[in-house]
Amino acid sequence: MTKSKTSRSLMGLMFRAHPWHGISIGEEAPGILNAYIETVPSDTVKYEMDKNTGLLRVDRPQKFSNICPTLYGFIPQTYCSTRVAEFCMQKSGRKGIVGDDDPLDICVLTEKIIPHGDILLRAIPIGGIRMIDGGEADDKIIAVMNHDALYGRWKDIADCPQGFLDRLQHYFLTYKDLPDAKKRNCEITSLYNCKEAEEVIRRCQEDYQKSFAEVLKYFNSHR
């Protein structure tokens, strides 16, 4: 091992990788990819990664009975910007949509009980939710954990029971609203299949590569 490679290996032992920028999406993406989990169904507060530090922070308490029914987090080295906003407008027929300037969200199904977030896992996208939040494209990829004994058999959103899809959509439609809200902040225009989910992921990869070219260059040179 060369001196430079040894130094990089030691640095990896001393410092934690940033969940968004310091972890690869995975060489098999978009078919199989890495997912960073922030929140699990048992959480009574919503956790969110702090973009500056990469640490998990409390975003807000879950004020009401609305609890996310799946593991929830984001896909590393993705970014919702121009390309994914264009795709949202193309598919929804809307105008004036922009990206939400966040990594791409992902919901991961597994039969296993995972008691806390701040973990990485391998996931297989099977579809997605096209959501617009205040004029911003805010897609939610639906995935199953790789090798999951139960949900791992689902290959496409068509395999999901309607009751599950209804529950997931209800969560995202209401998770920011007060019970007596007259108008919802979020709107779901459609659900989409595995093929379309992979296209959304690719576009978010391209948005990331354009917006964070220097970060990606540094990451690749220090792997």
C-alpha atoms as a PDB file:
ATOM      1  CA  MET A   1       0.000   0.000   0.000  1.00  0.00           C
ATOM      2  CA  THR A   2       1.371   3.397  -0.989  1.00  0.00           C
ATOM      3  CA  LYS A   3       1.877   6.174   1.535  1.00  0.00           C
ATOM      4  CA  SER A   4      -1.063   8.181   0.122  1.00  0.00           C
ATOM      5  CA  LYS A   5      -3.409   5.174   0.331  1.00  0.00           C
ATOM      6  CA  THR A   6      -2.275   4.502   3.886  1.00  0.00           C
ATOM      7  CA  SER A   7      -3.008   8.112   4.826  1.00  0.00           C
ATOM      8  CA  ARG A   8      -6.486   7.877   3.301  1.00  0.00           C
ATOM      9  CA  SER A   9      -7.182   4.650   5.189  1.00  0.00           C
ATOM     10  CA  LEU A  10      -6.133   6.244   8.485  1.00  0.00           C
ATOM     11  CA  MET A  11      -8.274   9.316   7.749  1.00  0.00           C
ATOM     12  CA  GLY A  12     -11.234   6.980   7.272  1.00  0.00           C
ATOM     13  CA  LEU A  13     -10.701   5.619  10.767  1.00  0.00           C
ATOM     14  CA  MET A  14     -10.469   9.063  12.328  1.00  0.00           C
ATOM     15  CA  PHE A  15     -13.335  10.908  10.639  1.00  0.00           C
ATOM     16  CA  ARG A  16     -16.919  10.012   9.832  1.00  0.00           C
ATOM     17  CA  ALA A  17     -18.119  10.328   6.241  1.00  0.00           C
ATOM     18  CA  HIS A  18     -20.774  12.931   5.496  1.00  0.00           C
ATOM     19  CA  PRO A  19     -23.979  10.927   4.777  1.00  0.00           C
ATOM     20  CA  TRP A  20     -24.885  13.045   1.746  1.00  0.00           C
ATOM     21  CA  HIS A  21     -21.529  13.749   0.125  1.00  0.00           C
ATOM     22  CA  GLY A  22     -19.087  11.251   1.605  1.00  0.00           C
ATOM     23  CA  ILE A  23     -20.939   8.045   0.731  1.00  0.00           C
ATOM     24  CA  SER A  24     -21.361   6.653  -2.768  1.00  0.00           C
ATOM     25  CA  ILE A  25     -24.807   5.972  -4.180  1.00  0.00           C
ATOM     26  CA  GLY A  26     -23.434   2.534  -5.094  1.00  0.00           C
ATOM     27  CA  GLU A  27     -21.991   1.030  -8.259  1.00  0.00           C
ATOM     28  CA  GLU A  28     -25.218  -0.857  -9.061  1.00  0.00           C
ATOM     29  CA  ALA A  29     -27.452   2.240  -8.887  1.00  0.00           C
ATOM     30  CA  PRO A  30     -30.189   2.899  -9.772  1.00  0.00           C
ATOM     31  CA  GLY A  31     -31.119  -0.799  -9.558  1.00  0.00           C
ATOM     32  CA  ILE A  32     -29.601  -1.350  -6.114  1.00  0.00           C
ATOM     33  CA  LEU A  33     -28.362   1.618  -4.125  1.00  0.00           C
ATOM     34  CA  ASN A  34     -27.276   2.900  -0.755  1.00  0.00           C
ATOM     35  CA  ALA A  35     -29.856   4.631   1.423  1.00  0.00           C
ATOM     36  CA  TYR A  36     -29.212   6.681   4.538  1.00  0.00           C
ATOM     37  CA  ILE A  37     -32.049   6.287   7.040  1.00  0.00           C
ATOM     38  CA  GLU A  38     -32.983   9.281   9.195  1.00  0.00           C
ATOM     39  CA  THR A  39     -36.318   8.241  10.713  1.00  0.00           C
ATOM     40  CA  VAL A  40     -37.925   4.898  11.614  1.00  0.00           C
ATOM     41  CA  PRO A  41     -41.641   4.158  12.262  1.00  0.00           C
ATOM     42  CA  SER A  42     -41.212   4.096  16.063  1.00  0.00           C
ATOM     43  CA  ASP A  43     -39.810   7.655  16.192  1.00  0.00           C
ATOM     44  CA  THR A  44     -42.020  10.257  17.867  1.00  0.00           C
ATOM     45  CA  VAL A  45     -39.896  13.076  16.443  1.00  0.00           C
ATOM     46  CA  LYS A  46     -38.822  13.649  12.864  1.00  0.00           C
ATOM     47  CA  TYR A  47     -35.070  13.490  12.436  1.00  0.00           C
ATOM     48  CA  GLU A  48     -33.245  15.137   9.576  1.00  0.00           C
ATOM     49  CA  MET A  49     -29.617  15.328   8.527  1.00  0.00           C
ATOM     50  CA  ASP A  50     -27.988  18.697   9.143  1.00  0.00           C
ATOM     51  CA  LYS A  51     -26.516  19.599   5.754  1.00  0.00           C
ATOM     52  CA  ASN A  52     -23.496  21.443   7.137  1.00  0.00           C
ATOM     53  CA  THR A  53     -22.268  18.846   9.633  1.00  0.00           C
ATOM     54  CA  GLY A  54     -23.838  15.619   8.391  1.00  0.00           C
ATOM     55  CA  LEU A  55     -25.116  14.959  11.913  1.00  0.00           C
ATOM     56  CA  LEU A  56     -28.665  13.812  12.565  1.00  0.00           C
ATOM     57  CA  ARG A  57     -30.731  16.480  14.280  1.00  0.00           C
ATOM     58  CA  VAL A  58     -34.290  16.816  15.546  1.00  0.00           C
ATOM     59  CA  ASP A  59     -36.293  18.543  12.822  1.00  0.00           C
ATOM     60  CA  ARG A  60     -39.590  18.665  14.707  1.00  0.00           C
ATOM     61  CA  PRO A  61     -41.711  16.583  17.080  1.00  0.00           C
ATOM     62  CA  GLN A  62     -44.460  14.505  15.519  1.00  0.00           C
ATOM     63  CA  LYS A  63     -47.236  16.638  17.007  1.00  0.00           C
ATOM     64  CA  PHE A  64     -50.101  14.381  16.044  1.00  0.00           C
ATOM     65  CA  SER A  65     -50.700  10.676  15.403  1.00  0.00           C
ATOM     66  CA  ASN A  66     -49.122  10.825  11.969  1.00  0.00           C
ATOM     67  CA  ILE A  67     -46.152   8.429  11.994  1.00  0.00           C
ATOM     68  CA  CYS A  68     -44.160   7.450   8.921  1.00  0.00           C
ATOM     69  CA  PRO A  69     -45.046   3.829   8.087  1.00  0.00           C
ATOM     70  CA  THR A  70     -41.631   2.986   6.620  1.00  0.00           C
ATOM     71  CA  LEU A  71     -37.955   3.645   7.140  1.00  0.00           C
ATOM     72  CA  TYR A  72     -37.368   7.118   5.718  1.00  0.00           C
ATOM     73  CA  GLY A  73     -34.242   8.896   4.579  1.00  0.00           C
ATOM     74  CA  PHE A  74     -32.405   9.871   1.404  1.00  0.00           C
ATOM     75  CA  ILE A  75     -30.142   8.601  -1.351  1.00  0.00           C
ATOM     76  CA  PRO A  76     -26.506   9.792  -1.051  1.00  0.00           C
ATOM     77  CA  GLN A  77     -25.000  11.887  -3.837  1.00  0.00           C
ATOM     78  CA  THR A  78     -28.356  12.873  -5.315  1.00  0.00           C
ATOM     79  CA  TYR A  79     -29.829  16.368  -5.586  1.00  0.00           C
ATOM     80  CA  CYS A  80     -33.309  17.540  -6.575  1.00  0.00           C
ATOM     81  CA  SER A  81     -32.748  20.468  -8.893  1.00  0.00           C
ATOM     82  CA  THR A  82     -33.256  21.396 -12.560  1.00  0.00           C
ATOM     83  CA  ARG A  83     -33.403  17.983 -14.209  1.00  0.00           C
ATOM     84  CA  VAL A  84     -35.806  16.398 -11.760  1.00  0.00           C
ATOM     85  CA  ALA A  85     -37.998  19.542 -11.783  1.00  0.00           C
ATOM     86  CA  GLU A  86     -38.185  19.350 -15.588  1.00  0.00           C
ATOM     87  CA  PHE A  87     -39.255  15.708 -15.353  1.00  0.00           C
ATOM     88  CA  CYS A  88     -41.907  16.590 -12.772  1.00  0.00           C
ATOM     89  CA  MET A  89     -43.347  19.278 -15.068  1.00  0.00           C
ATOM     90  CA  GLN A  90     -43.245  16.922 -18.041  1.00  0.00           C
ATOM     91  CA  LYS A  91     -45.127  14.176 -16.200  1.00  0.00           C
ATOM     92  CA  SER A  92     -47.558  16.356 -14.233  1.00  0.00           C
ATOM     93  CA  GLY A  93     -48.328  18.969 -16.881  1.00  0.00           C
ATOM     94  CA  ARG A  94     -47.541  21.727 -14.371  1.00  0.00           C
ATOM     95  CA  LYS A  95     -45.407  24.794 -14.937  1.00  0.00           C
ATOM     96  CA  GLY A  96     -43.050  26.738 -12.722  1.00  0.00           C
ATOM     97  CA  ILE A  97     -41.878  23.737 -10.682  1.00  0.00           C
ATOM     98  CA  VAL A  98     -38.372  23.894  -9.195  1.00  0.00           C
ATOM     99  CA  GLY A  99     -36.303  21.356  -7.295  1.00  0.00           C
ATOM    100  CA  ASP A 100     -36.367  21.427  -3.494  1.00  0.00           C
ATOM    101  CA  ASP A 101     -32.534  21.593  -3.252  1.00  0.00           C
ATOM    102  CA  ASP A 102     -32.393  18.460  -1.087  1.00  0.00           C
ATOM    103  CA  PRO A 103     -31.115  14.941  -1.641  1.00  0.00           C
ATOM    104  CA  LEU A 104     -33.720  12.552  -3.070  1.00  0.00           C
ATOM    105  CA  ASP A 105     -36.011  11.100  -0.403  1.00  0.00           C
ATOM    106  CA  ILE A 106     -36.537   7.360  -0.081  1.00  0.00           C
ATOM    107  CA  CYS A 107     -38.989   5.152   1.825  1.00  0.00           C
ATOM    108  CA  VAL A 108     -37.664   1.647   2.494  1.00  0.00           C
ATOM    109  CA  LEU A 109     -39.799  -1.346   3.387  1.00  0.00           C
ATOM    110  CA  THR A 110     -38.491  -4.191   5.513  1.00  0.00           C
ATOM    111  CA  GLU A 111     -40.061  -6.820   7.742  1.00  0.00           C
ATOM    112  CA  LYS A 112     -37.259  -6.347  10.270  1.00  0.00           C
ATOM    113  CA  ILE A 113     -37.499  -4.012  13.249  1.00  0.00           C
ATOM    114  CA  ILE A 114     -34.816  -1.345  12.953  1.00  0.00           C
ATOM    115  CA  PRO A 115     -34.951   0.653  16.207  1.00  0.00           C
ATOM    116  CA  HIS A 116     -33.182   3.855  15.164  1.00  0.00           C
ATOM    117  CA  GLY A 117     -32.013   5.905  12.226  1.00  0.00           C
ATOM    118  CA  ASP A 118     -28.521   7.161  11.336  1.00  0.00           C
ATOM    119  CA  ILE A 119     -27.775   3.938   9.464  1.00  0.00           C
ATOM    120  CA  LEU A 120     -26.965   2.854   5.917  1.00  0.00           C
ATOM    121  CA  LEU A 121     -28.650   0.021   4.080  1.00  0.00           C
ATOM    122  CA  ARG A 122     -28.943  -1.361   0.579  1.00  0.00           C
ATOM    123  CA  ALA A 123     -32.291  -0.784  -1.122  1.00  0.00           C
ATOM    124  CA  ILE A 124     -34.013  -1.718  -4.383  1.00  0.00           C
ATOM    125  CA  PRO A 125     -36.344   0.952  -5.844  1.00  0.00           C
ATOM    126  CA  ILE A 126     -39.760  -0.357  -6.940  1.00  0.00           C
ATOM    127  CA  GLY A 127     -41.595   2.913  -7.643  1.00  0.00           C
ATOM    128  CA  GLY A 128     -42.230   6.366  -6.325  1.00  0.00           C
ATOM    129  CA  ILE A 129     -44.572   9.175  -5.348  1.00  0.00           C
ATOM    130  CA  ARG A 130     -44.568  12.372  -7.402  1.00  0.00           C
ATOM    131  CA  MET A 131     -45.182  15.037  -4.800  1.00  0.00           C
ATOM    132  CA  ILE A 132     -45.168  18.829  -5.131  1.00  0.00           C
ATOM    133  CA  ASP A 133     -44.537  20.794  -1.947  1.00  0.00           C
ATOM    134  CA  GLY A 134     -45.116  24.520  -2.298  1.00  0.00           C
ATOM    135  CA  GLY A 135     -44.159  24.544  -5.984  1.00  0.00           C
ATOM    136  CA  GLU A 136     -41.105  22.310  -5.431  1.00  0.00           C
ATOM    137  CA  ALA A 137     -40.565  18.805  -6.790  1.00  0.00           C
ATOM    138  CA  ASP A 138     -40.318  16.555  -3.734  1.00  0.00           C
ATOM    139  CA  ASP A 139     -40.340  12.982  -5.056  1.00  0.00           C
ATOM    140  CA  LYS A 140     -40.392  10.036  -2.667  1.00  0.00           C
ATOM    141  CA  ILE A 141     -38.781   6.862  -3.980  1.00  0.00           C
ATOM    142  CA  ILE A 142     -40.410   3.662  -2.680  1.00  0.00           C
ATOM    143  CA  ALA A 143     -37.963   0.806  -2.174  1.00  0.00           C
ATOM    144  CA  VAL A 144     -37.502  -2.540  -0.435  1.00  0.00           C
ATOM    145  CA  MET A 145     -34.469  -3.511   1.621  1.00  0.00           C
ATOM    146  CA  ASN A 146     -32.141  -5.744  -0.343  1.00  0.00           C
ATOM    147  CA  HIS A 147     -32.617  -9.445   0.519  1.00  0.00           C
ATOM    148  CA  ASP A 148     -35.638  -8.731   2.720  1.00  0.00           C
ATOM    149  CA  ALA A 149     -37.433 -12.057   3.224  1.00  0.00           C
ATOM    150  CA  LEU A 150     -40.929 -10.571   2.826  1.00  0.00           C
ATOM    151  CA  TYR A 151     -40.828  -7.310   0.897  1.00  0.00           C
ATOM    152  CA  GLY A 152     -37.806  -8.340  -1.162  1.00  0.00           C
ATOM    153  CA  ARG A 153     -40.203 -10.193  -3.463  1.00  0.00           C
ATOM    154  CA  TRP A 154     -41.860  -6.940  -4.534  1.00  0.00           C
ATOM    155  CA  LYS A 155     -40.370  -5.832  -7.848  1.00  0.00           C
ATOM    156  CA  ASP A 156     -42.671  -2.952  -8.810  1.00  0.00           C
ATOM    157  CA  ILE A 157     -45.207  -0.618  -7.246  1.00  0.00           C
ATOM    158  CA  ALA A 158     -47.923  -2.806  -8.771  1.00  0.00           C
ATOM    159  CA  ASP A 159     -46.967  -5.443  -6.173  1.00  0.00           C
ATOM    160  CA  CYS A 160     -47.896  -3.110  -3.304  1.00  0.00           C
ATOM    161  CA  PRO A 161     -51.350  -3.489  -1.718  1.00  0.00           C
ATOM    162  CA  GLN A 162     -53.538  -0.444  -2.250  1.00  0.00           C
ATOM    163  CA  GLY A 163     -53.988  -0.053   1.508  1.00  0.00           C
ATOM    164  CA  PHE A 164     -50.253   0.421   1.963  1.00  0.00           C
ATOM    165  CA  LEU A 165     -50.066   3.000  -0.833  1.00  0.00           C
ATOM    166  CA  ASP A 166     -53.039   4.866   0.633  1.00  0.00           C
ATOM    167  CA  ARG A 167     -51.391   4.972   4.050  1.00  0.00           C
ATOM    168  CA  LEU A 168     -48.074   6.203   2.683  1.00  0.00           C
ATOM    169  CA  GLN A 169     -49.722   8.897   0.599  1.00  0.00           C
ATOM    170  CA  HIS A 170     -51.820  10.043   3.558  1.00  0.00           C
ATOM    171  CA  TYR A 171     -48.694  10.474   5.658  1.00  0.00           C
ATOM    172  CA  PHE A 172     -46.970  12.714   3.125  1.00  0.00           C
ATOM    173  CA  LEU A 173     -50.117  14.692   2.362  1.00  0.00           C
ATOM    174  CA  THR A 174     -50.694  15.560   6.013  1.00  0.00           C
ATOM    175  CA  TYR A 175     -47.354  15.382   7.850  1.00  0.00           C
ATOM    176  CA  LYS A 176     -46.852  19.159   7.688  1.00  0.00           C
ATOM    177  CA  ASP A 177     -50.458  20.211   8.266  1.00  0.00           C
ATOM    178  CA  LEU A 178     -52.404  21.129  11.371  1.00  0.00           C
ATOM    179  CA  PRO A 179     -55.615  19.133  11.897  1.00  0.00           C
ATOM    180  CA  ASP A 180     -57.805  22.139  11.053  1.00  0.00           C
ATOM    181  CA  ALA A 181     -55.766  23.258   8.037  1.00  0.00           C
ATOM    182  CA  LYS A 182     -57.955  24.617   5.238  1.00  0.00           C
ATOM    183  CA  LYS A 183     -55.313  24.056   2.573  1.00  0.00           C
ATOM    184  CA  ARG A 184     -52.656  21.365   2.286  1.00  0.00           C
ATOM    185  CA  ASN A 185     -49.003  22.261   1.743  1.00  0.00           C
ATOM    186  CA  CYS A 186     -48.325  19.108  -0.253  1.00  0.00           C
ATOM    187  CA  GLU A 187     -49.928  17.603  -3.336  1.00  0.00           C
ATOM    188  CA  ILE A 188     -49.438  14.161  -4.876  1.00  0.00           C
ATOM    189  CA  THR A 189     -49.948  14.170  -8.636  1.00  0.00           C
ATOM    190  CA  SER A 190     -49.230  10.485  -9.320  1.00  0.00           C
ATOM    191  CA  LEU A 191     -47.567   7.249  -8.318  1.00  0.00           C
ATOM    192  CA  TYR A 192     -45.022   5.776 -10.713  1.00  0.00           C
ATOM    193  CA  ASN A 193     -43.397   2.424 -11.431  1.00  0.00           C
ATOM    194  CA  CYS A 194     -39.891   1.051 -11.055  1.00  0.00           C
ATOM    195  CA  LYS A 195     -38.714   2.209 -14.474  1.00  0.00           C
ATOM    196  CA  GLU A 196     -39.795   5.781 -13.819  1.00  0.00           C
ATOM    197  CA  ALA A 197     -38.267   5.707 -10.334  1.00  0.00           C
ATOM    198  CA  GLU A 198     -34.926   4.787 -11.856  1.00  0.00           C
ATOM    199  CA  GLU A 199     -35.230   7.741 -14.253  1.00  0.00           C
ATOM    200  CA  VAL A 200     -35.902  10.107 -11.329  1.00  0.00           C
ATOM    201  CA  ILE A 201     -32.826   8.723  -9.542  1.00  0.00           C
ATOM    202  CA  ARG A 202     -30.640   9.159 -12.622  1.00  0.00           C
ATOM    203  CA  ARG A 203     -31.789  12.756 -13.029  1.00  0.00           C
ATOM    204  CA  CYS A 204     -31.034  13.477  -9.375  1.00  0.00           C
ATOM    205  CA  GLN A 205     -27.576  11.974  -9.865  1.00  0.00           C
ATOM    206  CA  GLU A 206     -27.036  14.300 -12.826  1.00  0.00           C
ATOM    207  CA  ASP A 207     -28.247  17.282 -10.788  1.00  0.00           C
ATOM    208  CA  TYR A 208     -25.805  16.328  -8.057  1.00  0.00           C
ATOM    209  CA  GLN A 209     -22.910  15.898 -10.480  1.00  0.00           C
ATOM    210  CA  LYS A 210     -23.549  19.363 -11.917  1.00  0.00           C
ATOM    211  CA  SER A 211     -24.125  21.185  -8.623  1.00  0.00           C
ATOM    212  CA  PHE A 212     -21.440  19.431  -6.563  1.00  0.00           C
ATOM    213  CA  ALA A 213     -18.794  18.687  -9.162  1.00  0.00           C
ATOM    214  CA  GLU A 214     -15.918  19.733  -6.912  1.00  0.00           C
ATOM    215  CA  VAL A 215     -17.223  17.692  -3.988  1.00  0.00           C
ATOM    216  CA  LEU A 216     -17.600  14.634  -6.216  1.00  0.00           C
ATOM    217  CA  LYS A 217     -14.120  15.111  -7.653  1.00  0.00           C
ATOM    218  CA  TYR A 218     -12.652  15.253  -4.151  1.00  0.00           C
ATOM    219  CA  PHE A 219     -14.672  12.222  -3.057  1.00  0.00           C
ATOM    220  CA  ASN A 220     -13.516  10.111  -6.006  1.00  0.00           C
ATOM    221  CA  SER A 221      -9.867  11.086  -5.503  1.00  0.00           C
ATOM    222  CA  HIS A 222      -9.951  10.037  -1.843  1.00  0.00           C
ATOM    223  CA  ARG A 223     -11.771   6.727  -2.125  1.00  0.00           C
END
